[in-house]
PDB file of all heavy atoms in Angstrom:
ATOM      1  N   ALA A   1      -6.780  -1.934  11.407  1.00  0.00           N
ATOM      2  CA  ALA A   1      -6.851  -3.253  12.031  1.00  0.00           C
ATOM      3  C   ALA A   1      -5.460  -3.848  12.219  1.00  0.00           C
ATOM      4  O   ALA A   1      -5.127  -4.357  13.301  1.00  0.00           O
ATOM      5  CB  ALA A   1      -7.718  -4.185  11.185  1.00  0.00           C
ATOM      6  N   ALA A   2      -4.628  -3.779  11.199  1.00  0.00           N
ATOM      7  CA  ALA A   2      -3.283  -4.348  11.286  1.00  0.00           C
ATOM      8  C   ALA A   2      -2.470  -3.664  12.379  1.00  0.00           C
ATOM      9  O   ALA A   2      -1.821  -4.326  13.205  1.00  0.00           O
ATOM     10  CB  ALA A   2      -2.573  -4.217   9.937  1.00  0.00           C
ATOM     11  N   ASN A   3      -2.503  -2.343  12.408  1.00  0.00           N
ATOM     12  CA  ASN A   3      -1.735  -1.589  13.405  1.00  0.00           C
ATOM     13  C   ASN A   3      -2.244  -1.862  14.816  1.00  0.00           C
ATOM     14  O   ASN A   3      -1.464  -2.033  15.765  1.00  0.00           O
ATOM     15  CB  ASN A   3      -1.816  -0.105  13.081  1.00  0.00           C
ATOM     16  CG  ASN A   3      -0.575   0.678  13.458  1.00  0.00           C
ATOM     17  OD1 ASN A   3      -0.329   1.765  12.945  1.00  0.00           O
ATOM     18  ND2 ASN A   3       0.229   0.165  14.380  1.00  0.00           N
ATOM     19  N   SER A   4      -3.555  -1.930  14.973  1.00  0.00           N
ATOM     20  CA  SER A   4      -4.153  -2.175  16.291  1.00  0.00           C
ATOM     21  C   SER A   4      -3.776  -3.549  16.811  1.00  0.00           C
ATOM     22  O   SER A   4      -3.479  -3.717  18.010  1.00  0.00           O
ATOM     23  CB  SER A   4      -5.675  -2.046  16.207  1.00  0.00           C
ATOM     24  OG  SER A   4      -6.065  -0.759  15.786  1.00  0.00           O
ATOM     25  N   ILE A   5      -3.785  -4.536  15.942  1.00  0.00           N
ATOM     26  CA  ILE A   5      -3.430  -5.894  16.358  1.00  0.00           C
ATOM     27  C   ILE A   5      -1.970  -5.961  16.789  1.00  0.00           C
ATOM     28  O   ILE A   5      -1.637  -6.487  17.862  1.00  0.00           O
ATOM     29  CB  ILE A   5      -3.688  -6.889  15.213  1.00  0.00           C
ATOM     30  CG1 ILE A   5      -5.183  -7.003  14.899  1.00  0.00           C
ATOM     31  CG2 ILE A   5      -3.126  -8.276  15.555  1.00  0.00           C
ATOM     32  CD1 ILE A   5      -5.490  -7.723  13.607  1.00  0.00           C
ATOM     33  N   ALA A   6      -1.086  -5.426  15.965  1.00  0.00           N
ATOM     34  CA  ALA A   6       0.349  -5.514  16.240  1.00  0.00           C
ATOM     35  C   ALA A   6       0.708  -4.862  17.568  1.00  0.00           C
ATOM     36  O   ALA A   6       1.524  -5.392  18.342  1.00  0.00           O
ATOM     37  CB  ALA A   6       1.141  -4.866  15.102  1.00  0.00           C
ATOM     38  N   VAL A   7       0.103  -3.733  17.865  1.00  0.00           N
ATOM     39  CA  VAL A   7       0.403  -3.024  19.109  1.00  0.00           C
ATOM     40  C   VAL A   7      -0.175  -3.751  20.319  1.00  0.00           C
ATOM     41  O   VAL A   7       0.506  -3.962  21.329  1.00  0.00           O
ATOM     42  CB  VAL A   7      -0.141  -1.580  19.044  1.00  0.00           C
ATOM     43  CG1 VAL A   7      -0.061  -0.906  20.406  1.00  0.00           C
ATOM     44  CG2 VAL A   7       0.625  -0.775  18.001  1.00  0.00           C
ATOM     45  N   THR A   8      -1.432  -4.158  20.224  1.00  0.00           N
ATOM     46  CA  THR A   8      -2.125  -4.720  21.381  1.00  0.00           C
ATOM     47  C   THR A   8      -1.490  -6.024  21.855  1.00  0.00           C
ATOM     48  O   THR A   8      -1.263  -6.208  23.057  1.00  0.00           O
ATOM     49  CB  THR A   8      -3.610  -4.946  21.059  1.00  0.00           C
ATOM     50  OG1 THR A   8      -4.204  -3.702  20.658  1.00  0.00           O
ATOM     51  CG2 THR A   8      -4.350  -5.490  22.268  1.00  0.00           C
ATOM     52  N   VAL A   9      -1.192  -6.938  20.925  1.00  0.00           N
ATOM     53  CA  VAL A   9      -0.630  -8.232  21.351  1.00  0.00           C
ATOM     54  C   VAL A   9       0.802  -8.087  21.844  1.00  0.00           C
ATOM     55  O   VAL A   9       1.353  -9.027  22.429  1.00  0.00           O
ATOM     56  CB  VAL A   9      -0.680  -9.276  20.217  1.00  0.00           C
ATOM     57  CG1 VAL A   9      -2.113  -9.496  19.758  1.00  0.00           C
ATOM     58  CG2 VAL A   9       0.211  -8.881  19.042  1.00  0.00           C
ATOM     59  N   SER A  10       1.400  -6.913  21.656  1.00  0.00           N
ATOM     60  CA  SER A  10       2.776  -6.682  22.099  1.00  0.00           C
ATOM     61  C   SER A  10       2.844  -5.942  23.431  1.00  0.00           C
ATOM     62  O   SER A  10       3.932  -5.625  23.911  1.00  0.00           O
ATOM     63  CB  SER A  10       3.534  -5.888  21.027  1.00  0.00           C
ATOM     64  OG  SER A  10       3.514  -6.564  19.784  1.00  0.00           O
ATOM     65  N   GLY A  11       1.675  -5.651  24.018  1.00  0.00           N
ATOM     66  CA  GLY A  11       1.653  -4.998  25.317  1.00  0.00           C
ATOM     67  C   GLY A  11       1.519  -3.498  25.270  1.00  0.00           C
ATOM     68  O   GLY A  11       1.662  -2.824  26.296  1.00  0.00           O
ATOM     69  N   GLY A  12       1.229  -2.937  24.084  1.00  0.00           N
ATOM     70  CA  GLY A  12       1.092  -1.493  23.957  1.00  0.00           C
ATOM     71  C   GLY A  12      -0.351  -1.032  24.044  1.00  0.00           C
ATOM     72  O   GLY A  12      -1.278  -1.845  24.112  1.00  0.00           O
ATOM     73  N   HIS A  13      -0.528   0.273  24.055  1.00  0.00           N
ATOM     74  CA  HIS A  13      -1.847   0.892  24.066  1.00  0.00           C
ATOM     75  C   HIS A  13      -2.047   1.640  22.749  1.00  0.00           C
ATOM     76  O   HIS A  13      -1.084   1.940  22.044  1.00  0.00           O
ATOM     77  CB  HIS A  13      -1.985   1.848  25.247  1.00  0.00           C
ATOM     78  CG  HIS A  13      -1.794   1.187  26.576  1.00  0.00           C
ATOM     79  ND1 HIS A  13      -2.823   0.670  27.318  1.00  0.00           N
ATOM     80  CD2 HIS A  13      -0.655   0.935  27.286  1.00  0.00           C
ATOM     81  CE1 HIS A  13      -2.356   0.142  28.432  1.00  0.00           C
ATOM     82  NE2 HIS A  13      -1.039   0.284  28.437  1.00  0.00           N
ATOM     83  N   LEU A  14      -3.307   1.959  22.427  1.00  0.00           N
ATOM     84  CA  LEU A  14      -3.645   2.525  21.126  1.00  0.00           C
ATOM     85  C   LEU A  14      -4.029   3.992  21.233  1.00  0.00           C
ATOM     86  O   LEU A  14      -4.796   4.383  22.121  1.00  0.00           O
ATOM     87  CB  LEU A  14      -4.796   1.736  20.499  1.00  0.00           C
ATOM     88  CG  LEU A  14      -4.516   0.246  20.270  1.00  0.00           C
ATOM     89  CD1 LEU A  14      -5.806  -0.481  19.888  1.00  0.00           C
ATOM     90  CD2 LEU A  14      -3.462   0.060  19.185  1.00  0.00           C
ATOM     91  N   GLU A  15      -3.515   4.802  20.327  1.00  0.00           N
ATOM     92  CA  GLU A  15      -3.848   6.228  20.272  1.00  0.00           C
ATOM     93  C   GLU A  15      -3.937   6.643  18.811  1.00  0.00           C
ATOM     94  O   GLU A  15      -3.176   6.193  17.971  1.00  0.00           O
ATOM     95  CB  GLU A  15      -2.766   7.049  20.988  1.00  0.00           C
ATOM     96  CG  GLU A  15      -3.141   8.494  21.262  1.00  0.00           C
ATOM     97  CD  GLU A  15      -2.684   9.462  20.183  1.00  0.00           C
ATOM     98  OE1 GLU A  15      -1.857   9.073  19.339  1.00  0.00           O
ATOM     99  OE2 GLU A  15      -3.159  10.610  20.182  1.00  0.00           O
ATOM    100  N   GLY A  16      -4.883   7.487  18.537  1.00  0.00           N
ATOM    101  CA  GLY A  16      -4.989   7.935  17.153  1.00  0.00           C
ATOM    102  C   GLY A  16      -6.325   8.612  16.922  1.00  0.00           C
ATOM    103  O   GLY A  16      -7.046   8.868  17.874  1.00  0.00           O
ATOM    104  N   LEU A  17      -6.588   8.943  15.724  1.00  0.00           N
ATOM    105  CA  LEU A  17      -6.014   8.356  14.534  1.00  0.00           C
ATOM    106  C   LEU A  17      -5.702   9.456  13.548  1.00  0.00           C
ATOM    107  O   LEU A  17      -6.517  10.358  13.358  1.00  0.00           O
ATOM    108  CB  LEU A  17      -7.065   7.415  13.933  1.00  0.00           C
ATOM    109  CG  LEU A  17      -6.741   5.974  13.617  1.00  0.00           C
ATOM    110  CD1 LEU A  17      -7.881   5.081  14.031  1.00  0.00           C
ATOM    111  CD2 LEU A  17      -6.524   5.854  12.136  1.00  0.00           C
ATOM    112  N   GLY A  18      -4.532   9.394  12.921  1.00  0.00           N
ATOM    113  CA  GLY A  18      -4.152  10.382  11.937  1.00  0.00           C
ATOM    114  C   GLY A  18      -4.379   9.873  10.529  1.00  0.00           C
ATOM    115  O   GLY A  18      -3.417   9.624   9.783  1.00  0.00           O
ATOM    116  N   SER A  19      -5.646   9.707  10.150  1.00  0.00           N
ATOM    117  CA  SER A  19      -5.967   9.181   8.823  1.00  0.00           C
ATOM    118  C   SER A  19      -5.378  10.064   7.728  1.00  0.00           C
ATOM    119  O   SER A  19      -5.198  11.266   7.904  1.00  0.00           O
ATOM    120  CB  SER A  19      -7.482   9.086   8.651  1.00  0.00           C
ATOM    121  OG  SER A  19      -8.036   8.227   9.638  1.00  0.00           O
ATOM    122  N   ALA A  20      -5.076   9.454   6.588  1.00  0.00           N
ATOM    123  CA  ALA A  20      -4.463  10.153   5.445  1.00  0.00           C
ATOM    124  C   ALA A  20      -3.162  10.829   5.854  1.00  0.00           C
ATOM    125  O   ALA A  20      -2.833  11.923   5.397  1.00  0.00           O
ATOM    126  CB  ALA A  20      -5.438  11.155   4.830  1.00  0.00           C
ATOM    127  N   ASN A  21      -2.421  10.151   6.739  1.00  0.00           N
ATOM    128  CA  ASN A  21      -1.142  10.674   7.244  1.00  0.00           C
ATOM    129  C   ASN A  21      -1.275  12.053   7.882  1.00  0.00           C
ATOM    130  O   ASN A  21      -0.316  12.817   7.945  1.00  0.00           O
ATOM    131  CB  ASN A  21      -0.090  10.720   6.133  1.00  0.00           C
ATOM    132  CG  ASN A  21       0.484   9.348   5.836  1.00  0.00           C
ATOM    133  OD1 ASN A  21       0.579   8.502   6.720  1.00  0.00           O
ATOM    134  ND2 ASN A  21       0.860   9.108   4.596  1.00  0.00           N
ATOM    135  N   GLY A  22      -2.476  12.386   8.349  1.00  0.00           N
ATOM    136  CA  GLY A  22      -2.689  13.652   9.019  1.00  0.00           C
ATOM    137  C   GLY A  22      -2.570  14.874   8.125  1.00  0.00           C
ATOM    138  O   GLY A  22      -2.539  16.012   8.613  1.00  0.00           O
ATOM    139  N   ARG A  23      -2.530  14.667   6.807  1.00  0.00           N
ATOM    140  CA  ARG A  23      -2.295  15.793   5.885  1.00  0.00           C
ATOM    141  C   ARG A  23      -3.558  16.569   5.560  1.00  0.00           C
ATOM    142  O   ARG A  23      -3.510  17.764   5.280  1.00  0.00           O
ATOM    143  CB  ARG A  23      -1.664  15.271   4.590  1.00  0.00           C
ATOM    144  CG  ARG A  23      -0.249  14.745   4.745  1.00  0.00           C
ATOM    145  CD  ARG A  23       0.305  14.194   3.443  1.00  0.00           C
ATOM    146  NE  ARG A  23      -0.358  12.955   3.053  1.00  0.00           N
ATOM    147  CZ  ARG A  23      -1.133  12.825   1.998  1.00  0.00           C
ATOM    148  NH1 ARG A  23      -1.353  13.850   1.218  1.00  0.00           N
ATOM    149  NH2 ARG A  23      -1.699  11.668   1.702  1.00  0.00           N
ATOM    150  N   VAL A  24      -4.696  15.887   5.579  1.00  0.00           N
ATOM    151  CA  VAL A  24      -5.978  16.511   5.234  1.00  0.00           C
ATOM    152  C   VAL A  24      -7.031  16.006   6.229  1.00  0.00           C
ATOM    153  O   VAL A  24      -6.877  14.936   6.819  1.00  0.00           O
ATOM    154  CB  VAL A  24      -6.409  16.157   3.786  1.00  0.00           C
ATOM    155  CG1 VAL A  24      -5.561  16.904   2.777  1.00  0.00           C
ATOM    156  CG2 VAL A  24      -6.318  14.648   3.531  1.00  0.00           C
ATOM    157  N   PRO A  25      -8.128  16.762   6.435  1.00  0.00           N
ATOM    158  CA  PRO A  25      -9.146  16.363   7.412  1.00  0.00           C
ATOM    159  C   PRO A  25     -10.067  15.266   6.891  1.00  0.00           C
ATOM    160  O   PRO A  25     -11.281  15.448   6.775  1.00  0.00           O
ATOM    161  CB  PRO A  25      -9.906  17.673   7.672  1.00  0.00           C
ATOM    162  CG  PRO A  25      -9.780  18.419   6.389  1.00  0.00           C
ATOM    163  CD  PRO A  25      -8.419  18.092   5.848  1.00  0.00           C
ATOM    164  N   HIS A  26      -9.479  14.105   6.589  1.00  0.00           N
ATOM    165  CA  HIS A  26     -10.233  12.983   6.032  1.00  0.00           C
ATOM    166  C   HIS A  26     -10.353  11.852   7.045  1.00  0.00           C
ATOM    167  O   HIS A  26     -10.353  10.672   6.685  1.00  0.00           O
ATOM    168  CB  HIS A  26      -9.564  12.471   4.746  1.00  0.00           C
ATOM    169  CG  HIS A  26      -9.657  13.424   3.599  1.00  0.00           C
ATOM    170  ND1 HIS A  26      -9.321  13.072   2.312  1.00  0.00           N
ATOM    171  CD2 HIS A  26     -10.062  14.715   3.527  1.00  0.00           C
ATOM    172  CE1 HIS A  26      -9.504  14.109   1.510  1.00  0.00           C
ATOM    173  NE2 HIS A  26      -9.946  15.115   2.231  1.00  0.00           N
ATOM    174  N   GLY A  27     -10.430  12.209   8.328  1.00  0.00           N
ATOM    175  CA  GLY A  27     -10.607  11.218   9.372  1.00  0.00           C
ATOM    176  C   GLY A  27     -11.996  11.312   9.981  1.00  0.00           C
ATOM    177  O   GLY A  27     -12.640  12.371   9.956  1.00  0.00           O
ATOM    178  N   THR A  28     -12.477  10.195  10.560  1.00  0.00           N
ATOM    179  CA  THR A  28     -13.812  10.143  11.166  1.00  0.00           C
ATOM    180  C   THR A  28     -13.768   9.276  12.420  1.00  0.00           C
ATOM    181  O   THR A  28     -12.783   8.587  12.694  1.00  0.00           O
ATOM    182  CB  THR A  28     -14.845   9.538  10.187  1.00  0.00           C
ATOM    183  OG1 THR A  28     -14.643   8.114  10.097  1.00  0.00           O
ATOM    184  CG2 THR A  28     -14.733  10.136   8.793  1.00  0.00           C
ATOM    185  N   GLY A  29     -14.872   9.288  13.129  1.00  0.00           N
ATOM    186  CA  GLY A  29     -14.971   8.451  14.317  1.00  0.00           C
ATOM    187  C   GLY A  29     -15.097   6.978  14.016  1.00  0.00           C
ATOM    188  O   GLY A  29     -14.833   6.134  14.881  1.00  0.00           O
ATOM    189  N   LEU A  30     -15.473   6.618  12.775  1.00  0.00           N
ATOM    190  CA  LEU A  30     -15.731   5.212  12.476  1.00  0.00           C
ATOM    191  C   LEU A  30     -14.465   4.373  12.508  1.00  0.00           C
ATOM    192  O   LEU A  30     -14.452   3.277  13.072  1.00  0.00           O
ATOM    193  CB  LEU A  30     -16.414   5.079  11.109  1.00  0.00           C
ATOM    194  CG  LEU A  30     -17.014   3.693  10.816  1.00  0.00           C
ATOM    195  CD1 LEU A  30     -18.084   3.331  11.828  1.00  0.00           C
ATOM    196  CD2 LEU A  30     -17.570   3.624   9.402  1.00  0.00           C
ATOM    197  N   GLU A  31     -13.367   4.871  11.919  1.00  0.00           N
ATOM    198  CA  GLU A  31     -12.130   4.093  11.963  1.00  0.00           C
ATOM    199  C   GLU A  31     -11.544   4.063  13.377  1.00  0.00           C
ATOM    200  O   GLU A  31     -10.868   3.105  13.769  1.00  0.00           O
ATOM    201  CB  GLU A  31     -11.100   4.621  10.959  1.00  0.00           C
ATOM    202  CG  GLU A  31     -10.571   6.016  11.211  1.00  0.00           C
ATOM    203  CD  GLU A  31     -11.367   7.082  10.473  1.00  0.00           C
ATOM    204  OE1 GLU A  31     -12.533   6.816  10.103  1.00  0.00           O
ATOM    205  OE2 GLU A  31     -10.808   8.174  10.258  1.00  0.00           O
ATOM    206  N   VAL A  32     -11.845   5.110  14.170  1.00  0.00           N
ATOM    207  CA  VAL A  32     -11.423   5.098  15.569  1.00  0.00           C
ATOM    208  C   VAL A  32     -12.197   4.025  16.334  1.00  0.00           C
ATOM    209  O   VAL A  32     -11.659   3.356  17.216  1.00  0.00           O
ATOM    210  CB  VAL A  32     -11.618   6.486  16.205  1.00  0.00           C
ATOM    211  CG1 VAL A  32     -11.130   6.486  17.649  1.00  0.00           C
ATOM    212  CG2 VAL A  32     -10.874   7.550  15.416  1.00  0.00           C
ATOM    213  N   ARG A  33     -13.479   3.858  15.979  1.00  0.00           N
ATOM    214  CA  ARG A  33     -14.266   2.778  16.573  1.00  0.00           C
ATOM    215  C   ARG A  33     -13.627   1.425  16.289  1.00  0.00           C
ATOM    216  O   ARG A  33     -13.518   0.581  17.186  1.00  0.00           O
ATOM    217  CB  ARG A  33     -15.696   2.795  16.026  1.00  0.00           C
ATOM    218  CG  ARG A  33     -16.593   1.706  16.614  1.00  0.00           C
ATOM    219  CD  ARG A  33     -17.869   1.514  15.797  1.00  0.00           C
ATOM    220  NE  ARG A  33     -18.627   2.762  15.656  1.00  0.00           N
ATOM    221  CZ  ARG A  33     -19.720   2.880  14.909  1.00  0.00           C
ATOM    222  NH1 ARG A  33     -20.181   1.840  14.225  1.00  0.00           N
ATOM    223  NH2 ARG A  33     -20.337   4.044  14.817  1.00  0.00           N
ATOM    224  N   LEU A  34     -13.173   1.235  15.049  1.00  0.00           N
ATOM    225  CA  LEU A  34     -12.562  -0.041  14.701  1.00  0.00           C
ATOM    226  C   LEU A  34     -11.272  -0.260  15.502  1.00  0.00           C
ATOM    227  O   LEU A  34     -11.006  -1.370  15.967  1.00  0.00           O
ATOM    228  CB  LEU A  34     -12.254  -0.100  13.205  1.00  0.00           C
ATOM    229  CG  LEU A  34     -11.730  -1.450  12.709  1.00  0.00           C
ATOM    230  CD1 LEU A  34     -12.812  -2.522  12.828  1.00  0.00           C
ATOM    231  CD2 LEU A  34     -11.229  -1.360  11.274  1.00  0.00           C
ATOM    232  N   MET A  35     -10.479   0.788  15.660  1.00  0.00           N
ATOM    233  CA  MET A  35      -9.270   0.682  16.479  1.00  0.00           C
ATOM    234  C   MET A  35      -9.614   0.161  17.867  1.00  0.00           C
ATOM    235  O   MET A  35      -8.993  -0.781  18.376  1.00  0.00           O
ATOM    236  CB  MET A  35      -8.586   2.041  16.589  1.00  0.00           C
ATOM    237  CG  MET A  35      -7.370   2.064  17.500  1.00  0.00           C
ATOM    238  SD  MET A  35      -6.711   3.738  17.798  1.00  0.00           S
ATOM    239  CE  MET A  35      -7.976   4.402  18.909  1.00  0.00           C
ATOM    240  N   GLY A  36     -10.630   0.767  18.502  1.00  0.00           N
ATOM    241  CA  GLY A  36     -11.025   0.345  19.838  1.00  0.00           C
ATOM    242  C   GLY A  36     -11.582  -1.059  19.868  1.00  0.00           C
ATOM    243  O   GLY A  36     -11.248  -1.862  20.763  1.00  0.00           O
ATOM    244  N   GLU A  37     -12.415  -1.392  18.888  1.00  0.00           N
ATOM    245  CA  GLU A  37     -13.028  -2.724  18.873  1.00  0.00           C
ATOM    246  C   GLU A  37     -11.994  -3.821  18.644  1.00  0.00           C
ATOM    247  O   GLU A  37     -12.027  -4.869  19.303  1.00  0.00           O
ATOM    248  CB  GLU A  37     -14.108  -2.785  17.795  1.00  0.00           C
ATOM    249  CG  GLU A  37     -15.370  -2.025  18.145  1.00  0.00           C
ATOM    250  CD  GLU A  37     -16.559  -2.466  17.308  1.00  0.00           C
ATOM    251  OE1 GLU A  37     -16.537  -2.253  16.086  1.00  0.00           O
ATOM    252  OE2 GLU A  37     -17.500  -3.029  17.891  1.00  0.00           O
ATOM    253  N   VAL A  38     -11.060  -3.585  17.727  1.00  0.00           N
ATOM    254  CA  VAL A  38     -10.027  -4.588  17.451  1.00  0.00           C
ATOM    255  C   VAL A  38      -9.116  -4.749  18.663  1.00  0.00           C
ATOM    256  O   VAL A  38      -8.814  -5.881  19.087  1.00  0.00           O
ATOM    257  CB  VAL A  38      -9.205  -4.202  16.205  1.00  0.00           C
ATOM    258  CG1 VAL A  38      -7.978  -5.095  16.071  1.00  0.00           C
ATOM    259  CG2 VAL A  38     -10.065  -4.313  14.952  1.00  0.00           C
ATOM    260  N   GLY A  39      -8.680  -3.646  19.244  1.00  0.00           N
ATOM    261  CA  GLY A  39      -7.797  -3.724  20.398  1.00  0.00           C
ATOM    262  C   GLY A  39      -8.427  -4.471  21.556  1.00  0.00           C
ATOM    263  O   GLY A  39      -7.811  -5.367  22.163  1.00  0.00           O
ATOM    264  N   LYS A  40      -9.667  -4.125  21.890  1.00  0.00           N
ATOM    265  CA  LYS A  40     -10.360  -4.789  22.991  1.00  0.00           C
ATOM    266  C   LYS A  40     -10.569  -6.280  22.700  1.00  0.00           C
ATOM    267  O   LYS A  40     -10.436  -7.116  23.595  1.00  0.00           O
ATOM    268  CB  LYS A  40     -11.711  -4.119  23.231  1.00  0.00           C
ATOM    269  CG  LYS A  40     -11.646  -2.667  23.668  1.00  0.00           C
ATOM    270  CD  LYS A  40     -11.273  -2.528  25.114  1.00  0.00           C
ATOM    271  CE  LYS A  40     -11.400  -1.067  25.569  1.00  0.00           C
ATOM    272  NZ  LYS A  40     -11.018  -0.879  26.981  1.00  0.00           N
TER     273      LYS A  40
END
């Protein structure tokens, strides 16, 4: 949420997500949903 807000209000677009610093496969579609919902 914090990252999505900071980028969006500054004129940027959102791409991701590398959860757990991309080190292990601990990412899901749910946090990506939040990225999209917060940005929009």
